[in-house]
Each structure stands twice: as structure tokens, then as C-alpha cells.
Amino acid sequence: MKIAFISSGNSIHVKKIANQLVEWGHDITLYTLPDYNKLLSDFDKRVKIVKLPFSGKKGYYLNVPYLKKEIENGKYDLVNSHYASGFGTMARLTGIHPMALAVFGADVYDYPFKSKSNMKRVIKNLENADVITSTSHVMAKKVREYYHEDKPIIVTPFGVDLNIFYPRVVDKDDYFEFGIVKKSKKNTGLIFY
């Protein structure tokens, strides 16, 4: 499948997803702002990376004509935008479909609540998407607090390597410890006692 990512070159999640998809044989092109390049050298060399001409917040708008032409010429099977805020806006303004919109965190928990215009923008971006994905049920639930359309939100949780982490038999007198590597913030869905 030929997939265009409209996303941040700074996102570890985008890097991991793109790298895994090319490993599985998909053709991936990442379109990112030129100043979002912190992790670009860590992407698999088979991921095509296109730095858009304009940077900063204005870049989400100024890059639209260039991006639209690139996407149309690329004849992608799917356009996948990550983050319902800036990159979601840029993707919506291209008018390209089919469009998958992945919500990632701050775009759901923080950005919409900073202003009424931000909330309207995120809702428009969600409405424009043909499919919405979330990496957690708690984040999908948060989206539903302000986005009430019947459109399903597909939860695609981050996984673990089952060759390394697998169920073990434990005697009832034994105990076990486990760890989680994640930001310990209220909005991640982790509960601490």
C-alpha cells in the first residue's frame, strides 16, 4: 500500500510506525515541516521524507497548495495525518481523501481547550477525516467529550514484543513486579496509588 504521512519528523511514534510499515513492505512518504527534523536520521532509509517549504505555525497553512499537489501527484492509497491540531488542519485543507486522522495526546487534551477557535479547528479536522484512530481508549473517550458524531474511533494501542514479554507461571506465594515506560501525566490514562 502507498501511504502518505502528514506529520512531525520529531515524533518517536511516527518514526516507529513508519519504520514498521516499510518493514512490512508498504511504500511510506512522510511530509513534515522543515523545522520538525529532530528524528529524521532515525527513520528507515526506505521511508521517503519530504520537508515542506514553510516552517512554524504559518507553515500549516502556507504549505497547503504544495502539499495538495504532492499528494495528488503521488497517487497514494491513503493519507494518514498525525495530530488533530496543526497537521490535521493542513491535511483537511488539502481536501484529499481517503484521510485517516490519528489523535496522539496534546492535540486532544490540551490544544482544543486553549481557545474556542482551537476547539472549532479540531472538530472540523475530525469531521473531515474518513477514519479516526487513537492509541488508547481513554484518549478516544476524551475525544467523544467534545466530538459527538457517530463516526467510529478505532483504538490501535501501542503493542509489546510478545517474544520478550509473555505470561509466566507464578506460585501464589510469589510476587511479581512490572514497569511501564511512559510519561506519568494525568492524561496518559495511567493510574497511580
N, C-alpha and C. Protein backbone atom coordinates (compact mmCIF):
# COMPACT_ATOMS: atom_id res chain seq x y z
N MET A 1 0.85 -1.18 0.00
CA MET A 1 0.00 0.00 0.00
C MET A 1 0.90 1.24 0.00
N LYS A 2 0.48 2.25 -0.71
CA LYS A 2 1.21 3.51 -0.80
C LYS A 2 0.54 4.51 0.14
N ILE A 3 1.27 4.94 1.18
CA ILE A 3 0.69 5.77 2.23
C ILE A 3 1.51 7.05 2.40
N ALA A 4 0.81 8.18 2.47
CA ALA A 4 1.44 9.46 2.79
C ALA A 4 1.16 9.78 4.24
N PHE A 5 2.20 10.08 4.99
CA PHE A 5 2.07 10.57 6.36
C PHE A 5 2.22 12.08 6.31
N ILE A 6 1.29 12.78 6.95
CA ILE A 6 1.42 14.22 7.14
C ILE A 6 1.61 14.37 8.63
N SER A 7 2.86 14.62 9.04
CA SER A 7 3.14 14.53 10.46
C SER A 7 4.47 15.17 10.81
N SER A 8 4.81 15.02 12.08
CA SER A 8 6.03 15.60 12.63
C SER A 8 7.21 14.65 12.50
N GLY A 9 8.30 15.15 11.95
CA GLY A 9 9.55 14.40 11.93
C GLY A 9 10.19 14.32 13.30
N ASN A 10 9.59 14.97 14.30
CA ASN A 10 10.10 14.92 15.67
C ASN A 10 9.43 13.85 16.51
N SER A 11 8.44 13.17 15.98
CA SER A 11 7.65 12.22 16.78
C SER A 11 8.25 10.82 16.75
N ILE A 12 8.59 10.31 17.92
CA ILE A 12 9.10 8.95 18.04
C ILE A 12 8.05 7.95 17.59
N HIS A 13 6.77 8.26 17.84
CA HIS A 13 5.69 7.35 17.45
C HIS A 13 5.58 7.27 15.93
N VAL A 14 5.64 8.41 15.27
CA VAL A 14 5.57 8.44 13.81
C VAL A 14 6.75 7.67 13.22
N LYS A 15 7.92 7.87 13.80
CA LYS A 15 9.11 7.15 13.33
C LYS A 15 8.91 5.64 13.44
N LYS A 16 8.43 5.18 14.59
CA LYS A 16 8.24 3.74 14.80
C LYS A 16 7.17 3.17 13.86
N ILE A 17 6.08 3.89 13.69
CA ILE A 17 5.00 3.42 12.81
C ILE A 17 5.50 3.36 11.36
N ALA A 18 6.14 4.42 10.89
CA ALA A 18 6.63 4.47 9.50
C ALA A 18 7.66 3.37 9.27
N ASN A 19 8.59 3.21 10.20
CA ASN A 19 9.62 2.19 10.04
C ASN A 19 9.02 0.79 9.99
N GLN A 20 8.02 0.52 10.84
CA GLN A 20 7.41 -0.81 10.83
C GLN A 20 6.65 -1.04 9.53
N LEU A 21 5.94 -0.02 9.05
CA LEU A 21 5.18 -0.19 7.82
C LEU A 21 6.08 -0.45 6.61
N VAL A 22 7.23 0.22 6.52
CA VAL A 22 8.12 -0.09 5.40
C VAL A 22 8.74 -1.47 5.58
N GLU A 23 8.95 -1.88 6.81
CA GLU A 23 9.45 -3.24 7.08
C GLU A 23 8.46 -4.28 6.55
N TRP A 24 7.17 -3.98 6.65
CA TRP A 24 6.12 -4.87 6.17
C TRP A 24 5.89 -4.74 4.66
N GLY A 25 6.64 -3.87 4.00
CA GLY A 25 6.55 -3.78 2.55
C GLY A 25 5.72 -2.63 2.01
N HIS A 26 5.24 -1.75 2.86
CA HIS A 26 4.46 -0.61 2.40
C HIS A 26 5.38 0.51 1.92
N ASP A 27 4.86 1.33 1.04
CA ASP A 27 5.58 2.48 0.49
C ASP A 27 5.13 3.70 1.30
N ILE A 28 6.03 4.26 2.10
CA ILE A 28 5.69 5.35 3.01
C ILE A 28 6.45 6.62 2.63
N THR A 29 5.72 7.73 2.55
CA THR A 29 6.32 9.05 2.38
C THR A 29 5.84 9.93 3.52
N LEU A 30 6.79 10.55 4.22
CA LEU A 30 6.48 11.46 5.32
C LEU A 30 6.62 12.89 4.83
N TYR A 31 5.54 13.68 4.96
CA TYR A 31 5.57 15.11 4.69
C TYR A 31 5.60 15.82 6.04
N THR A 32 6.63 16.62 6.26
CA THR A 32 6.78 17.27 7.55
C THR A 32 7.28 18.70 7.37
N LEU A 33 7.09 19.51 8.40
CA LEU A 33 7.60 20.88 8.37
C LEU A 33 9.13 20.83 8.42
N PRO A 34 9.80 21.78 7.79
CA PRO A 34 11.27 21.72 7.73
C PRO A 34 11.95 21.85 9.10
N ASP A 35 11.28 22.46 10.06
CA ASP A 35 11.87 22.61 11.39
C ASP A 35 11.51 21.44 12.31
N TYR A 36 10.79 20.45 11.81
CA TYR A 36 10.44 19.25 12.59
C TYR A 36 11.31 18.10 12.11
N ASN A 37 12.61 18.20 12.35
CA ASN A 37 13.53 17.24 11.76
C ASN A 37 14.45 16.56 12.75
N LYS A 38 14.10 16.62 14.03
CA LYS A 38 14.97 16.10 15.08
C LYS A 38 15.27 14.60 14.91
N LEU A 39 14.30 13.81 14.48
CA LEU A 39 14.48 12.36 14.40
C LEU A 39 14.63 11.83 12.98
N LEU A 40 14.68 12.70 12.00
CA LEU A 40 14.65 12.24 10.61
C LEU A 40 15.77 11.26 10.28
N SER A 41 16.94 11.42 10.89
CA SER A 41 18.04 10.50 10.61
C SER A 41 17.78 9.10 11.18
N ASP A 42 16.81 8.97 12.09
CA ASP A 42 16.47 7.67 12.69
C ASP A 42 15.42 6.90 11.89
N PHE A 43 14.84 7.54 10.88
CA PHE A 43 13.85 6.85 10.05
C PHE A 43 14.56 5.84 9.16
N ASP A 44 13.89 4.73 8.89
CA ASP A 44 14.39 3.75 7.94
C ASP A 44 14.65 4.46 6.62
N LYS A 45 15.73 4.12 5.96
CA LYS A 45 16.10 4.79 4.70
C LYS A 45 15.07 4.58 3.60
N ARG A 46 14.19 3.58 3.75
CA ARG A 46 13.15 3.34 2.75
C ARG A 46 11.96 4.29 2.91
N VAL A 47 11.86 4.99 4.06
CA VAL A 47 10.82 6.00 4.26
C VAL A 47 11.25 7.25 3.50
N LYS A 48 10.46 7.66 2.53
CA LYS A 48 10.76 8.87 1.79
C LYS A 48 10.35 10.07 2.65
N ILE A 49 11.23 11.02 2.78
CA ILE A 49 10.95 12.19 3.62
C ILE A 49 10.94 13.44 2.76
N VAL A 50 9.84 14.18 2.85
CA VAL A 50 9.70 15.44 2.12
C VAL A 50 9.53 16.55 3.14
N LYS A 51 10.51 17.45 3.18
CA LYS A 51 10.40 18.62 4.04
C LYS A 51 9.63 19.69 3.27
N LEU A 52 8.52 20.10 3.85
CA LEU A 52 7.69 21.12 3.22
C LEU A 52 8.43 22.47 3.24
N PRO A 53 8.08 23.39 2.33
CA PRO A 53 8.84 24.63 2.20
C PRO A 53 8.76 25.59 3.40
N PHE A 54 7.62 25.65 4.07
CA PHE A 54 7.42 26.67 5.11
C PHE A 54 7.41 26.05 6.50
N SER A 55 7.98 26.76 7.46
CA SER A 55 8.06 26.27 8.83
C SER A 55 7.13 27.05 9.75
N GLY A 56 7.10 26.64 11.01
CA GLY A 56 6.31 27.34 12.02
C GLY A 56 4.82 27.16 11.85
N LYS A 57 4.07 27.84 12.71
CA LYS A 57 2.60 27.72 12.68
C LYS A 57 2.01 28.14 11.34
N LYS A 58 2.61 29.14 10.70
CA LYS A 58 2.12 29.59 9.39
C LYS A 58 2.31 28.48 8.34
N GLY A 59 3.28 27.61 8.58
CA GLY A 59 3.55 26.53 7.64
C GLY A 59 2.37 25.59 7.48
N TYR A 60 1.56 25.45 8.54
CA TYR A 60 0.37 24.59 8.43
C TYR A 60 -0.60 25.09 7.36
N TYR A 61 -0.55 26.37 7.06
CA TYR A 61 -1.43 26.96 6.06
C TYR A 61 -0.69 27.22 4.74
N LEU A 62 0.52 27.77 4.83
CA LEU A 62 1.26 28.14 3.62
C LEU A 62 1.68 26.92 2.79
N ASN A 63 1.83 25.77 3.43
CA ASN A 63 2.25 24.56 2.72
C ASN A 63 1.11 23.83 2.01
N VAL A 64 -0.13 24.25 2.24
CA VAL A 64 -1.28 23.51 1.70
C VAL A 64 -1.23 23.35 0.18
N PRO A 65 -1.02 24.41 -0.62
CA PRO A 65 -1.01 24.22 -2.08
C PRO A 65 0.09 23.24 -2.54
N TYR A 66 1.28 23.38 -1.96
CA TYR A 66 2.39 22.49 -2.30
C TYR A 66 2.06 21.05 -1.92
N LEU A 67 1.56 20.86 -0.70
CA LEU A 67 1.23 19.52 -0.23
C LEU A 67 0.12 18.89 -1.06
N LYS A 68 -0.90 19.66 -1.38
CA LYS A 68 -2.02 19.13 -2.19
C LYS A 68 -1.51 18.61 -3.53
N LYS A 69 -0.64 19.38 -4.19
CA LYS A 69 -0.08 18.96 -5.47
C LYS A 69 0.76 17.70 -5.31
N GLU A 70 1.57 17.65 -4.26
CA GLU A 70 2.41 16.48 -3.99
C GLU A 70 1.55 15.22 -3.77
N ILE A 71 0.50 15.36 -2.97
CA ILE A 71 -0.36 14.22 -2.65
C ILE A 71 -1.09 13.75 -3.91
N GLU A 72 -1.60 14.69 -4.68
CA GLU A 72 -2.30 14.32 -5.93
C GLU A 72 -1.36 13.62 -6.90
N ASN A 73 -0.14 14.13 -7.04
CA ASN A 73 0.83 13.53 -7.96
C ASN A 73 1.33 12.17 -7.45
N GLY A 74 1.32 11.99 -6.12
CA GLY A 74 1.82 10.75 -5.53
C GLY A 74 0.86 9.58 -5.67
N LYS A 75 -0.40 9.87 -5.95
CA LYS A 75 -1.42 8.82 -6.12
C LYS A 75 -1.38 7.81 -4.96
N TYR A 76 -1.54 8.32 -3.75
CA TYR A 76 -1.50 7.49 -2.54
C TYR A 76 -2.80 6.74 -2.35
N ASP A 77 -2.70 5.56 -1.77
CA ASP A 77 -3.89 4.78 -1.41
C ASP A 77 -4.54 5.36 -0.16
N LEU A 78 -3.74 5.97 0.69
CA LEU A 78 -4.23 6.52 1.96
C LEU A 78 -3.34 7.67 2.38
N VAL A 79 -3.98 8.71 2.92
CA VAL A 79 -3.25 9.81 3.55
C VAL A 79 -3.54 9.70 5.04
N ASN A 80 -2.48 9.64 5.84
CA ASN A 80 -2.60 9.45 7.28
C ASN A 80 -1.98 10.66 7.97
N SER A 81 -2.82 11.48 8.58
CA SER A 81 -2.36 12.67 9.30
C SER A 81 -2.29 12.36 10.78
N HIS A 82 -1.18 12.74 11.39
CA HIS A 82 -0.99 12.52 12.82
C HIS A 82 -1.07 13.86 13.55
N TYR A 83 -1.89 13.90 14.55
CA TYR A 83 -2.21 15.07 15.38
C TYR A 83 -3.41 15.80 14.79
N ALA A 84 -4.43 15.97 15.59
CA ALA A 84 -5.67 16.61 15.15
C ALA A 84 -5.55 18.12 15.08
N SER A 85 -4.42 18.66 15.53
CA SER A 85 -4.27 20.11 15.55
C SER A 85 -3.61 20.59 14.25
N GLY A 86 -2.34 20.99 14.27
CA GLY A 86 -1.70 21.59 13.11
C GLY A 86 -1.66 20.73 11.86
N PHE A 87 -1.13 19.50 11.98
CA PHE A 87 -1.04 18.63 10.81
C PHE A 87 -2.43 18.19 10.35
N GLY A 88 -3.37 18.04 11.29
CA GLY A 88 -4.75 17.72 10.92
C GLY A 88 -5.39 18.84 10.12
N THR A 89 -5.07 20.07 10.49
CA THR A 89 -5.58 21.24 9.76
C THR A 89 -5.00 21.26 8.34
N MET A 90 -3.70 21.06 8.24
CA MET A 90 -3.06 21.06 6.92
C MET A 90 -3.65 19.97 6.04
N ALA A 91 -3.84 18.79 6.59
CA ALA A 91 -4.42 17.67 5.83
C ALA A 91 -5.84 18.00 5.37
N ARG A 92 -6.64 18.57 6.29
CA ARG A 92 -8.03 18.92 5.92
C ARG A 92 -8.06 19.93 4.79
N LEU A 93 -7.20 20.93 4.85
CA LEU A 93 -7.22 21.99 3.85
C LEU A 93 -6.78 21.51 2.47
N THR A 94 -6.08 20.38 2.39
CA THR A 94 -5.74 19.84 1.07
C THR A 94 -6.96 19.27 0.37
N GLY A 95 -7.97 18.85 1.15
CA GLY A 95 -9.17 18.27 0.58
C GLY A 95 -8.98 16.85 0.05
N ILE A 96 -7.88 16.22 0.39
CA ILE A 96 -7.55 14.89 -0.12
C ILE A 96 -8.24 13.80 0.71
N HIS A 97 -8.72 12.77 0.02
CA HIS A 97 -9.34 11.61 0.67
C HIS A 97 -8.90 10.36 -0.07
N PRO A 98 -8.89 9.19 0.53
CA PRO A 98 -9.27 8.91 1.92
C PRO A 98 -8.23 9.43 2.91
N MET A 99 -8.74 9.93 4.03
CA MET A 99 -7.92 10.57 5.05
C MET A 99 -8.14 9.88 6.39
N ALA A 100 -7.06 9.39 6.98
CA ALA A 100 -7.10 8.86 8.34
C ALA A 100 -6.46 9.91 9.24
N LEU A 101 -7.08 10.20 10.36
CA LEU A 101 -6.55 11.18 11.32
C LEU A 101 -6.27 10.46 12.63
N ALA A 102 -5.01 10.49 13.04
CA ALA A 102 -4.59 9.85 14.29
C ALA A 102 -4.44 10.91 15.38
N VAL A 103 -5.18 10.73 16.49
CA VAL A 103 -5.01 11.63 17.64
C VAL A 103 -3.91 11.04 18.52
N PHE A 104 -3.08 11.92 19.07
CA PHE A 104 -1.87 11.45 19.76
C PHE A 104 -1.78 11.87 21.23
N GLY A 105 -2.46 12.90 21.67
CA GLY A 105 -2.33 13.30 23.08
C GLY A 105 -2.64 14.75 23.32
N ALA A 106 -1.62 15.61 23.22
CA ALA A 106 -1.82 17.03 23.49
C ALA A 106 -2.84 17.64 22.53
N ASP A 107 -2.96 17.08 21.34
CA ASP A 107 -3.94 17.56 20.36
C ASP A 107 -5.37 17.28 20.80
N VAL A 108 -5.53 16.39 21.78
CA VAL A 108 -6.84 16.01 22.31
C VAL A 108 -7.07 16.63 23.69
N TYR A 109 -6.04 16.59 24.52
CA TYR A 109 -6.18 17.01 25.92
C TYR A 109 -5.91 18.49 26.16
N ASP A 110 -5.02 19.09 25.39
CA ASP A 110 -4.60 20.47 25.67
C ASP A 110 -5.05 21.47 24.61
N TYR A 111 -4.64 21.27 23.39
CA TYR A 111 -4.85 22.23 22.31
C TYR A 111 -6.30 22.70 22.16
N PRO A 112 -7.29 21.80 22.14
CA PRO A 112 -8.67 22.27 21.92
C PRO A 112 -9.19 23.20 23.02
N PHE A 113 -8.62 23.11 24.21
CA PHE A 113 -9.13 23.86 25.34
C PHE A 113 -8.42 25.19 25.56
N LYS A 114 -7.49 25.51 24.68
CA LYS A 114 -6.79 26.79 24.80
C LYS A 114 -7.60 27.96 24.26
N SER A 115 -8.52 27.66 23.32
CA SER A 115 -9.38 28.73 22.78
C SER A 115 -10.56 28.10 22.05
N LYS A 116 -11.60 28.90 21.86
CA LYS A 116 -12.76 28.42 21.10
C LYS A 116 -12.38 28.12 19.65
N SER A 117 -11.50 28.93 19.08
CA SER A 117 -11.11 28.68 17.68
C SER A 117 -10.31 27.39 17.56
N ASN A 118 -9.49 27.07 18.55
CA ASN A 118 -8.78 25.78 18.53
C ASN A 118 -9.76 24.62 18.57
N MET A 119 -10.77 24.73 19.43
CA MET A 119 -11.76 23.66 19.55
C MET A 119 -12.49 23.48 18.22
N LYS A 120 -12.91 24.58 17.60
CA LYS A 120 -13.60 24.50 16.31
C LYS A 120 -12.71 23.87 15.25
N ARG A 121 -11.44 24.25 15.25
CA ARG A 121 -10.49 23.73 14.27
C ARG A 121 -10.34 22.21 14.42
N VAL A 122 -10.17 21.74 15.64
CA VAL A 122 -10.01 20.30 15.88
C VAL A 122 -11.27 19.54 15.47
N ILE A 123 -12.43 20.08 15.81
CA ILE A 123 -13.69 19.41 15.43
C ILE A 123 -13.82 19.35 13.90
N LYS A 124 -13.49 20.43 13.20
CA LYS A 124 -13.53 20.41 11.73
C LYS A 124 -12.57 19.34 11.19
N ASN A 125 -11.40 19.24 11.79
CA ASN A 125 -10.42 18.25 11.34
C ASN A 125 -10.93 16.83 11.57
N LEU A 126 -11.58 16.60 12.70
CA LEU A 126 -12.15 15.29 12.99
C LEU A 126 -13.29 14.97 12.03
N GLU A 127 -14.13 15.98 11.74
CA GLU A 127 -15.24 15.79 10.81
C GLU A 127 -14.74 15.45 9.40
N ASN A 128 -13.63 16.04 9.02
CA ASN A 128 -13.09 15.83 7.68
C ASN A 128 -12.52 14.42 7.48
N ALA A 129 -12.06 13.82 8.54
CA ALA A 129 -11.40 12.51 8.43
C ALA A 129 -12.39 11.43 8.03
N ASP A 130 -11.92 10.51 7.21
CA ASP A 130 -12.73 9.35 6.86
C ASP A 130 -12.69 8.31 7.98
N VAL A 131 -11.59 8.29 8.70
CA VAL A 131 -11.45 7.40 9.86
C VAL A 131 -10.57 8.12 10.89
N ILE A 132 -10.91 7.91 12.16
CA ILE A 132 -10.15 8.49 13.28
C ILE A 132 -9.54 7.34 14.06
N THR A 133 -8.26 7.48 14.41
CA THR A 133 -7.61 6.47 15.24
C THR A 133 -7.06 7.12 16.50
N SER A 134 -6.97 6.31 17.55
CA SER A 134 -6.42 6.74 18.83
C SER A 134 -5.57 5.61 19.37
N THR A 135 -4.52 5.95 20.10
CA THR A 135 -3.66 4.91 20.66
C THR A 135 -4.14 4.43 22.03
N SER A 136 -5.25 4.97 22.52
CA SER A 136 -5.77 4.49 23.80
C SER A 136 -7.28 4.72 23.88
N HIS A 137 -7.93 3.89 24.69
CA HIS A 137 -9.37 4.04 24.91
C HIS A 137 -9.67 5.32 25.68
N VAL A 138 -8.82 5.68 26.63
CA VAL A 138 -9.05 6.89 27.42
C VAL A 138 -8.98 8.14 26.54
N MET A 139 -8.08 8.13 25.56
CA MET A 139 -7.98 9.27 24.65
C MET A 139 -9.18 9.31 23.70
N ALA A 140 -9.65 8.17 23.24
CA ALA A 140 -10.85 8.12 22.40
C ALA A 140 -12.05 8.65 23.17
N LYS A 141 -12.13 8.29 24.45
CA LYS A 141 -13.22 8.78 25.31
C LYS A 141 -13.15 10.30 25.45
N LYS A 142 -11.94 10.84 25.59
CA LYS A 142 -11.77 12.28 25.71
C LYS A 142 -12.25 12.99 24.43
N VAL A 143 -11.93 12.43 23.27
CA VAL A 143 -12.40 13.00 22.00
C VAL A 143 -13.92 13.04 21.99
N ARG A 144 -14.57 11.98 22.46
CA ARG A 144 -16.03 11.90 22.47
C ARG A 144 -16.67 12.94 23.39
N GLU A 145 -15.92 13.49 24.33
CA GLU A 145 -16.47 14.53 25.21
C GLU A 145 -16.83 15.79 24.42
N TYR A 146 -16.15 16.04 23.31
CA TYR A 146 -16.47 17.25 22.53
C TYR A 146 -16.74 16.97 21.06
N TYR A 147 -16.52 15.75 20.61
CA TYR A 147 -16.82 15.38 19.24
C TYR A 147 -17.88 14.29 19.28
N HIS A 148 -19.11 14.64 18.94
CA HIS A 148 -20.25 13.75 19.18
C HIS A 148 -20.78 13.04 17.94
N GLU A 149 -20.07 13.12 16.83
CA GLU A 149 -20.51 12.43 15.61
C GLU A 149 -20.49 10.92 15.83
N ASP A 150 -21.24 10.21 15.03
CA ASP A 150 -21.29 8.74 15.12
C ASP A 150 -20.09 8.05 14.51
N LYS A 151 -19.21 8.80 13.90
CA LYS A 151 -18.03 8.22 13.26
C LYS A 151 -17.24 7.42 14.30
N PRO A 152 -16.90 6.17 13.98
CA PRO A 152 -16.15 5.38 14.96
C PRO A 152 -14.73 5.89 15.16
N ILE A 153 -14.21 5.68 16.34
CA ILE A 153 -12.82 5.95 16.65
C ILE A 153 -12.16 4.60 16.87
N ILE A 154 -11.23 4.26 16.00
CA ILE A 154 -10.56 2.96 16.08
C ILE A 154 -9.37 3.08 17.03
N VAL A 155 -9.35 2.23 18.04
CA VAL A 155 -8.26 2.25 19.01
C VAL A 155 -7.19 1.26 18.55
N THR A 156 -5.98 1.79 18.35
CA THR A 156 -4.84 0.98 17.93
C THR A 156 -3.74 1.13 18.98
N PRO A 157 -3.86 0.36 20.08
CA PRO A 157 -2.90 0.54 21.18
C PRO A 157 -1.48 0.20 20.77
N PHE A 158 -0.55 0.90 21.40
CA PHE A 158 0.85 0.53 21.21
C PHE A 158 1.03 -0.88 21.75
N GLY A 159 1.83 -1.67 21.11
CA GLY A 159 1.99 -3.06 21.49
C GLY A 159 3.31 -3.34 22.17
N VAL A 160 3.49 -4.60 22.49
CA VAL A 160 4.74 -5.07 23.09
C VAL A 160 5.22 -6.27 22.29
N ASP A 161 6.49 -6.56 22.35
CA ASP A 161 7.07 -7.71 21.67
C ASP A 161 6.78 -8.95 22.50
N LEU A 162 5.88 -9.81 22.00
CA LEU A 162 5.47 -11.00 22.75
C LEU A 162 6.55 -12.07 22.80
N ASN A 163 7.61 -11.91 22.05
CA ASN A 163 8.75 -12.82 22.18
C ASN A 163 9.58 -12.49 23.41
N ILE A 164 9.48 -11.26 23.87
CA ILE A 164 10.21 -10.84 25.07
C ILE A 164 9.29 -10.86 26.29
N PHE A 165 8.08 -10.36 26.14
CA PHE A 165 7.12 -10.28 27.24
C PHE A 165 6.01 -11.30 27.03
N TYR A 166 5.95 -12.28 27.88
CA TYR A 166 4.95 -13.33 27.73
C TYR A 166 4.52 -13.80 29.12
N PRO A 167 3.32 -14.42 29.21
CA PRO A 167 2.82 -14.88 30.53
C PRO A 167 3.74 -15.94 31.13
N ARG A 168 3.95 -15.84 32.42
CA ARG A 168 4.77 -16.81 33.14
C ARG A 168 3.95 -17.38 34.29
N VAL A 169 4.23 -18.61 34.63
CA VAL A 169 3.57 -19.25 35.76
C VAL A 169 4.22 -18.72 37.04
N VAL A 170 3.38 -18.27 37.98
CA VAL A 170 3.87 -17.71 39.25
C VAL A 170 3.17 -18.44 40.38
N ASP A 171 3.95 -18.92 41.35
CA ASP A 171 3.34 -19.52 42.55
C ASP A 171 2.58 -18.45 43.29
N LYS A 172 1.49 -18.86 43.98
CA LYS A 172 0.66 -17.85 44.64
C LYS A 172 1.39 -17.15 45.77
N ASP A 173 2.45 -17.77 46.32
CA ASP A 173 3.23 -17.10 47.37
C ASP A 173 4.27 -16.15 46.78
N ASP A 174 4.52 -16.30 45.49
CA ASP A 174 5.48 -15.41 44.84
C ASP A 174 4.80 -14.09 44.51
N TYR A 175 5.58 -13.15 44.18
CA TYR A 175 5.04 -11.88 43.73
C TYR A 175 5.78 -11.51 42.45
N PHE A 176 5.25 -10.54 41.76
CA PHE A 176 5.93 -10.09 40.56
C PHE A 176 5.93 -8.57 40.53
N GLU A 177 6.85 -8.04 39.76
CA GLU A 177 6.96 -6.60 39.57
C GLU A 177 6.84 -6.32 38.08
N PHE A 178 6.31 -5.18 37.75
CA PHE A 178 6.26 -4.79 36.35
C PHE A 178 6.55 -3.31 36.27
N GLY A 179 6.95 -2.88 35.11
CA GLY A 179 7.26 -1.47 34.91
C GLY A 179 6.63 -0.96 33.63
N ILE A 180 6.42 0.32 33.59
CA ILE A 180 5.85 0.97 32.42
C ILE A 180 6.77 2.12 32.05
N VAL A 181 7.12 2.19 30.80
CA VAL A 181 7.91 3.31 30.33
C VAL A 181 6.95 4.22 29.57
N LYS A 182 6.58 5.32 30.22
CA LYS A 182 5.62 6.26 29.64
C LYS A 182 5.69 7.53 30.47
N LYS A 183 5.30 8.62 29.88
CA LYS A 183 5.22 9.85 30.66
C LYS A 183 4.18 9.64 31.75
N SER A 184 4.49 9.97 32.97
CA SER A 184 3.50 9.83 34.04
C SER A 184 2.79 11.18 34.23
N LYS A 185 1.81 11.38 33.35
CA LYS A 185 0.98 12.57 33.39
C LYS A 185 -0.45 12.11 33.53
N LYS A 186 -1.28 12.94 34.09
CA LYS A 186 -2.68 12.59 34.32
C LYS A 186 -3.38 12.12 33.06
N ASN A 187 -3.11 12.76 31.93
CA ASN A 187 -3.87 12.46 30.72
C ASN A 187 -3.37 11.25 29.93
N THR A 188 -2.42 10.48 30.46
CA THR A 188 -1.95 9.30 29.73
C THR A 188 -2.80 8.08 30.03
N GLY A 189 -3.68 8.16 31.01
CA GLY A 189 -4.51 7.02 31.33
C GLY A 189 -3.90 6.12 32.38
N LEU A 190 -2.71 6.44 32.85
CA LEU A 190 -2.08 5.64 33.90
C LEU A 190 -2.64 6.08 35.25
N ILE A 191 -2.83 5.13 36.13
CA ILE A 191 -3.36 5.44 37.47
C ILE A 191 -2.29 5.09 38.48
N PHE A 192 -2.00 6.01 39.37
CA PHE A 192 -1.01 5.78 40.40
C PHE A 192 -1.66 5.89 41.77
N TYR A 193 -1.32 4.98 42.66
CA TYR A 193 -1.84 4.99 44.03
C TYR A 193 -0.74 5.26 45.01
